[in-house]
Amino acid sequence: MPKLKTNRSAAKRFKRTAGGGFKRGRSHLRHILTKKTSKRKRQLRGTTMAHSTDNARLRQMMPYS
């Protein structure tokens, strides 16, 4: 059976956790920041978990992670 290819766009956006989930960065913090409040920008920092319903799709896109 041939090797499977990793979806490179997914590999750049998601990381596998030890528990089998995927962590991701938050969106909406790249531009048009002047109208967003400091609280909103602060809460968009850091990472969060990808939704559990997306885990099967992410496992398929990143088979070796």
PDB file of N, CA and C in Angstrom:
ATOM      1  N   MET A   1       0.840  -1.184   0.000  1.00  0.00           N
ATOM      2  CA  MET A   1       0.000   0.000   0.000  1.00  0.00           C
ATOM      3  C   MET A   1       0.888   1.252   0.000  1.00  0.00           C
ATOM      4  N   PRO A   2       0.570   2.267  -0.804  1.00  0.00           N
ATOM      5  CA  PRO A   2       1.428   3.448  -0.874  1.00  0.00           C
ATOM      6  C   PRO A   2       1.299   4.324   0.373  1.00  0.00           C
ATOM      7  N   LYS A   3       2.290   5.179   0.533  1.00  0.00           N
ATOM      8  CA  LYS A   3       2.249   6.137   1.633  1.00  0.00           C
ATOM      9  C   LYS A   3       1.114   7.122   1.398  1.00  0.00           C
ATOM     10  N   LEU A   4       0.576   7.633   2.485  1.00  0.00           N
ATOM     11  CA  LEU A   4      -0.481   8.638   2.399  1.00  0.00           C
ATOM     12  C   LEU A   4       0.143  10.029   2.458  1.00  0.00           C
ATOM     13  N   LYS A   5      -0.454  10.950   1.744  1.00  0.00           N
ATOM     14  CA  LYS A   5       0.042  12.321   1.766  1.00  0.00           C
ATOM     15  C   LYS A   5      -0.654  13.112   2.867  1.00  0.00           C
ATOM     16  N   THR A   6       0.134  13.916   3.555  1.00  0.00           N
ATOM     17  CA  THR A   6      -0.393  14.832   4.550  1.00  0.00           C
ATOM     18  C   THR A   6      -0.895  16.083   3.854  1.00  0.00           C
ATOM     19  N   ASN A   7      -2.050  16.559   4.235  1.00  0.00           N
ATOM     20  CA  ASN A   7      -2.563  17.828   3.725  1.00  0.00           C
ATOM     21  C   ASN A   7      -1.749  18.938   4.382  1.00  0.00           C
ATOM     22  N   ARG A   8      -0.931  19.613   3.595  1.00  0.00           N
ATOM     23  CA  ARG A   8       0.012  20.580   4.150  1.00  0.00           C
ATOM     24  C   ARG A   8      -0.678  21.802   4.739  1.00  0.00           C
ATOM     25  N   SER A   9      -1.788  22.213   4.184  1.00  0.00           N
ATOM     26  CA  SER A   9      -2.477  23.377   4.745  1.00  0.00           C
ATOM     27  C   SER A   9      -3.024  23.048   6.130  1.00  0.00           C
ATOM     28  N   ALA A  10      -3.508  21.830   6.320  1.00  0.00           N
ATOM     29  CA  ALA A  10      -3.995  21.423   7.642  1.00  0.00           C
ATOM     30  C   ALA A  10      -2.840  21.274   8.617  1.00  0.00           C
ATOM     31  N   ALA A  11      -1.712  20.764   8.148  1.00  0.00           N
ATOM     32  CA  ALA A  11      -0.557  20.561   9.022  1.00  0.00           C
ATOM     33  C   ALA A  11      -0.016  21.887   9.551  1.00  0.00           C
ATOM     34  N   LYS A  12      -0.172  22.957   8.771  1.00  0.00           N
ATOM     35  CA  LYS A  12       0.295  24.264   9.222  1.00  0.00           C
ATOM     36  C   LYS A  12      -0.675  24.912  10.203  1.00  0.00           C
ATOM     37  N   ARG A  13      -1.921  24.481  10.208  1.00  0.00           N
ATOM     38  CA  ARG A  13      -2.938  25.128  11.032  1.00  0.00           C
ATOM     39  C   ARG A  13      -3.284  24.370  12.309  1.00  0.00           C
ATOM     40  N   PHE A  14      -3.036  23.082  12.344  1.00  0.00           N
ATOM     41  CA  PHE A  14      -3.446  22.254  13.478  1.00  0.00           C
ATOM     42  C   PHE A  14      -2.278  21.441  14.001  1.00  0.00           C
ATOM     43  N   LYS A  15      -2.289  21.181  15.330  1.00  0.00           N
ATOM     44  CA  LYS A  15      -1.304  20.315  15.954  1.00  0.00           C
ATOM     45  C   LYS A  15      -2.044  19.259  16.751  1.00  0.00           C
ATOM     46  N   ARG A  16      -1.522  18.036  16.730  1.00  0.00           N
ATOM     47  CA  ARG A  16      -2.145  16.935  17.457  1.00  0.00           C
ATOM     48  C   ARG A  16      -1.785  17.031  18.929  1.00  0.00           C
ATOM     49  N   THR A  17      -2.735  16.765  19.817  1.00  0.00           N
ATOM     50  CA  THR A  17      -2.476  16.755  21.250  1.00  0.00           C
ATOM     51  C   THR A  17      -2.258  15.318  21.707  1.00  0.00           C
ATOM     52  N   ALA A  18      -1.751  15.157  22.908  1.00  0.00           N
ATOM     53  CA  ALA A  18      -1.463  13.823  23.437  1.00  0.00           C
ATOM     54  C   ALA A  18      -2.746  13.013  23.604  1.00  0.00           C
ATOM     55  N   GLY A  19      -3.846  13.681  23.870  1.00  0.00           N
ATOM     56  CA  GLY A  19      -5.112  12.985  24.062  1.00  0.00           C
ATOM     57  C   GLY A  19      -5.832  12.630  22.774  1.00  0.00           C
ATOM     58  N   GLY A  20      -5.230  12.975  21.633  1.00  0.00           N
ATOM     59  CA  GLY A  20      -5.839  12.614  20.361  1.00  0.00           C
ATOM     60  C   GLY A  20      -6.652  13.718  19.725  1.00  0.00           C
ATOM     61  N   GLY A  21      -6.767  14.866  20.384  1.00  0.00           N
ATOM     62  CA  GLY A  21      -7.498  15.976  19.797  1.00  0.00           C
ATOM     63  C   GLY A  21      -6.576  16.835  18.944  1.00  0.00           C
ATOM     64  N   PHE A  22      -7.094  17.977  18.501  1.00  0.00           N
ATOM     65  CA  PHE A  22      -6.297  18.900  17.698  1.00  0.00           C
ATOM     66  C   PHE A  22      -6.458  20.293  18.262  1.00  0.00           C
ATOM     67  N   LYS A  23      -5.335  21.014  18.391  1.00  0.00           N
ATOM     68  CA  LYS A  23      -5.419  22.401  18.822  1.00  0.00           C
ATOM     69  C   LYS A  23      -5.222  23.298  17.615  1.00  0.00           C
ATOM     70  N   ARG A  24      -5.778  24.490  17.713  1.00  0.00           N
ATOM     71  CA  ARG A  24      -5.737  25.426  16.594  1.00  0.00           C
ATOM     72  C   ARG A  24      -5.630  26.839  17.140  1.00  0.00           C
ATOM     73  N   GLY A  25      -5.167  27.733  16.283  1.00  0.00           N
ATOM     74  CA  GLY A  25      -5.142  29.139  16.639  1.00  0.00           C
ATOM     75  C   GLY A  25      -6.508  29.763  16.375  1.00  0.00           C
ATOM     76  N   ARG A  26      -6.728  30.912  16.961  1.00  0.00           N
ATOM     77  CA  ARG A  26      -8.012  31.590  16.766  1.00  0.00           C
ATOM     78  C   ARG A  26      -7.941  32.524  15.561  1.00  0.00           C
ATOM     79  N   SER A  27      -9.066  32.770  14.974  1.00  0.00           N
ATOM     80  CA  SER A  27      -9.129  33.633  13.791  1.00  0.00           C
ATOM     81  C   SER A  27      -9.475  35.068  14.190  1.00  0.00           C
ATOM     82  N   HIS A  28      -9.507  35.944  13.221  1.00  0.00           N
ATOM     83  CA  HIS A  28      -9.940  37.355  13.359  1.00  0.00           C
ATOM     84  C   HIS A  28      -8.934  38.225  14.101  1.00  0.00           C
ATOM     85  N   LEU A  29      -7.650  37.903  14.041  1.00  0.00           N
ATOM     86  CA  LEU A  29      -6.665  38.730  14.728  1.00  0.00           C
ATOM     87  C   LEU A  29      -5.549  39.167  13.774  1.00  0.00           C
ATOM     88  N   ARG A  30      -5.830  39.216  12.470  1.00  0.00           N
ATOM     89  CA  ARG A  30      -4.805  39.555  11.496  1.00  0.00           C
ATOM     90  C   ARG A  30      -4.849  41.013  11.054  1.00  0.00           C
ATOM     91  N   HIS A  31      -6.025  41.549  10.843  1.00  0.00           N
ATOM     92  CA  HIS A  31      -6.118  42.927  10.359  1.00  0.00           C
ATOM     93  C   HIS A  31      -7.438  43.514  10.818  1.00  0.00           C
ATOM     94  N   ILE A  32      -7.636  44.812  10.522  1.00  0.00           N
ATOM     95  CA  ILE A  32      -8.801  45.578  10.996  1.00  0.00           C
ATOM     96  C   ILE A  32      -8.904  45.461  12.523  1.00  0.00           C
ATOM     97  N   LEU A  33      -7.793  45.785  13.198  1.00  0.00           N
ATOM     98  CA  LEU A  33      -7.743  45.615  14.646  1.00  0.00           C
ATOM     99  C   LEU A  33      -8.178  46.861  15.406  1.00  0.00           C
ATOM    100  N   THR A  34      -8.258  48.010  14.727  1.00  0.00           N
ATOM    101  CA  THR A  34      -8.545  49.243  15.452  1.00  0.00           C
ATOM    102  C   THR A  34      -9.966  49.277  15.989  1.00  0.00           C
ATOM    103  N   LYS A  35     -10.884  48.657  15.287  1.00  0.00           N
ATOM    104  CA  LYS A  35     -12.275  48.691  15.761  1.00  0.00           C
ATOM    105  C   LYS A  35     -12.582  47.612  16.800  1.00  0.00           C
ATOM    106  N   LYS A  36     -11.662  46.689  17.009  1.00  0.00           N
ATOM    107  CA  LYS A  36     -11.875  45.623  17.991  1.00  0.00           C
ATOM    108  C   LYS A  36     -11.378  46.088  19.351  1.00  0.00           C
ATOM    109  N   THR A  37     -12.101  45.747  20.379  1.00  0.00           N
ATOM    110  CA  THR A  37     -11.726  46.177  21.720  1.00  0.00           C
ATOM    111  C   THR A  37     -10.513  45.398  22.208  1.00  0.00           C
ATOM    112  N   SER A  38      -9.826  45.965  23.197  1.00  0.00           N
ATOM    113  CA  SER A  38      -8.655  45.299  23.765  1.00  0.00           C
ATOM    114  C   SER A  38      -9.037  43.960  24.375  1.00  0.00           C
ATOM    115  N   LYS A  39     -10.205  43.907  24.996  1.00  0.00           N
ATOM    116  CA  LYS A  39     -10.659  42.653  25.599  1.00  0.00           C
ATOM    117  C   LYS A  39     -10.852  41.578  24.540  1.00  0.00           C
ATOM    118  N   ARG A  40     -11.457  41.962  23.432  1.00  0.00           N
ATOM    119  CA  ARG A  40     -11.706  41.002  22.354  1.00  0.00           C
ATOM    120  C   ARG A  40     -10.402  40.493  21.761  1.00  0.00           C
ATOM    121  N   LYS A  41      -9.440  41.406  21.533  1.00  0.00           N
ATOM    122  CA  LYS A  41      -8.148  40.999  20.973  1.00  0.00           C
ATOM    123  C   LYS A  41      -7.384  40.124  21.956  1.00  0.00           C
ATOM    124  N   ARG A  42      -7.460  40.438  23.223  1.00  0.00           N
ATOM    125  CA  ARG A  42      -6.777  39.650  24.253  1.00  0.00           C
ATOM    126  C   ARG A  42      -7.337  38.237  24.327  1.00  0.00           C
ATOM    127  N   GLN A  43      -8.644  38.114  24.201  1.00  0.00           N
ATOM    128  CA  GLN A  43      -9.269  36.796  24.273  1.00  0.00           C
ATOM    129  C   GLN A  43      -9.035  35.966  23.022  1.00  0.00           C
ATOM    130  N   LEU A  44      -8.615  36.590  21.931  1.00  0.00           N
ATOM    131  CA  LEU A  44      -8.314  35.855  20.707  1.00  0.00           C
ATOM    132  C   LEU A  44      -6.886  35.305  20.681  1.00  0.00           C
ATOM    133  N   ARG A  45      -6.081  35.676  21.678  1.00  0.00           N
ATOM    134  CA  ARG A  45      -4.711  35.155  21.746  1.00  0.00           C
ATOM    135  C   ARG A  45      -4.713  33.685  22.131  1.00  0.00           C
ATOM    136  N   GLY A  46      -3.596  33.042  21.913  1.00  0.00           N
ATOM    137  CA  GLY A  46      -3.454  31.666  22.365  1.00  0.00           C
ATOM    138  C   GLY A  46      -4.162  30.678  21.456  1.00  0.00           C
ATOM    139  N   THR A  47      -4.299  29.469  21.953  1.00  0.00           N
ATOM    140  CA  THR A  47      -4.890  28.408  21.148  1.00  0.00           C
ATOM    141  C   THR A  47      -6.155  27.883  21.798  1.00  0.00           C
ATOM    142  N   THR A  48      -6.920  27.148  21.019  1.00  0.00           N
ATOM    143  CA  THR A  48      -8.114  26.482  21.508  1.00  0.00           C
ATOM    144  C   THR A  48      -8.192  25.140  20.810  1.00  0.00           C
ATOM    145  N   MET A  49      -9.124  24.325  21.207  1.00  0.00           N
ATOM    146  CA  MET A  49      -9.262  23.002  20.615  1.00  0.00           C
ATOM    147  C   MET A  49     -10.181  23.068  19.396  1.00  0.00           C
ATOM    148  N   ALA A  50      -9.854  22.278  18.387  1.00  0.00           N
ATOM    149  CA  ALA A  50     -10.756  22.135  17.244  1.00  0.00           C
ATOM    150  C   ALA A  50     -11.992  21.375  17.725  1.00  0.00           C
ATOM    151  N   HIS A  51     -13.105  21.607  17.101  1.00  0.00           N
ATOM    152  CA  HIS A  51     -14.341  20.967  17.530  1.00  0.00           C
ATOM    153  C   HIS A  51     -14.269  19.459  17.324  1.00  0.00           C
ATOM    154  N   SER A  52     -14.888  18.719  18.227  1.00  0.00           N
ATOM    155  CA  SER A  52     -14.784  17.256  18.200  1.00  0.00           C
ATOM    156  C   SER A  52     -15.366  16.652  16.930  1.00  0.00           C
ATOM    157  N   THR A  53     -16.330  17.316  16.310  1.00  0.00           N
ATOM    158  CA  THR A  53     -16.915  16.778  15.082  1.00  0.00           C
ATOM    159  C   THR A  53     -15.961  16.886  13.897  1.00  0.00           C
ATOM    160  N   ASP A  54     -14.894  17.702  14.025  1.00  0.00           N
ATOM    161  CA  ASP A  54     -13.910  17.837  12.955  1.00  0.00           C
ATOM    162  C   ASP A  54     -12.732  16.889  13.113  1.00  0.00           C
ATOM    163  N   ASN A  55     -12.637  16.193  14.233  1.00  0.00           N
ATOM    164  CA  ASN A  55     -11.462  15.365  14.508  1.00  0.00           C
ATOM    165  C   ASN A  55     -11.271  14.254  13.476  1.00  0.00           C
ATOM    166  N   ALA A  56     -12.335  13.609  13.046  1.00  0.00           N
ATOM    167  CA  ALA A  56     -12.205  12.522  12.071  1.00  0.00           C
ATOM    168  C   ALA A  56     -11.652  13.054  10.758  1.00  0.00           C
ATOM    169  N   ARG A  57     -12.107  14.211  10.332  1.00  0.00           N
ATOM    170  CA  ARG A  57     -11.622  14.812   9.088  1.00  0.00           C
ATOM    171  C   ARG A  57     -10.156  15.218   9.223  1.00  0.00           C
ATOM    172  N   LEU A  58      -9.786  15.743  10.390  1.00  0.00           N
ATOM    173  CA  LEU A  58      -8.404  16.160  10.612  1.00  0.00           C
ATOM    174  C   LEU A  58      -7.479  14.940  10.675  1.00  0.00           C
ATOM    175  N   ARG A  59      -7.924  13.866  11.272  1.00  0.00           N
ATOM    176  CA  ARG A  59      -7.111  12.645  11.308  1.00  0.00           C
ATOM    177  C   ARG A  59      -6.864  12.127   9.888  1.00  0.00           C
ATOM    178  N   GLN A  60      -7.846  12.246   9.043  1.00  0.00           N
ATOM    179  CA  GLN A  60      -7.705  11.800   7.671  1.00  0.00           C
ATOM    180  C   GLN A  60      -6.745  12.699   6.892  1.00  0.00           C
ATOM    181  N   MET A  61      -6.765  13.989   7.173  1.00  0.00           N
ATOM    182  CA  MET A  61      -5.880  14.914   6.472  1.00  0.00           C
ATOM    183  C   MET A  61      -4.448  14.816   6.970  1.00  0.00           C
ATOM    184  N   MET A  62      -4.261  14.416   8.237  1.00  0.00           N
ATOM    185  CA  MET A  62      -2.922  14.339   8.809  1.00  0.00           C
ATOM    186  C   MET A  62      -2.711  12.937   9.405  1.00  0.00           C
ATOM    187  N   PRO A  63      -2.488  11.934   8.569  1.00  0.00           N
ATOM    188  CA  PRO A  63      -2.431  10.566   9.055  1.00  0.00           C
ATOM    189  C   PRO A  63      -1.215  10.244   9.914  1.00  0.00           C
ATOM    190  N   TYR A  64      -0.141  11.029   9.825  1.00  0.00           N
ATOM    191  CA  TYR A  64       1.091  10.691  10.555  1.00  0.00           C
ATOM    192  C   TYR A  64       1.350  11.604  11.733  1.00  0.00           C
ATOM    193  N   SER A  65       0.399  12.441  12.092  1.00  0.00           N
ATOM    194  CA  SER A  65       0.622  13.334  13.226  1.00  0.00           C
ATOM    195  C   SER A  65       0.241  12.670  14.524  1.00  0.00           C
TER     196      SER A  65
END
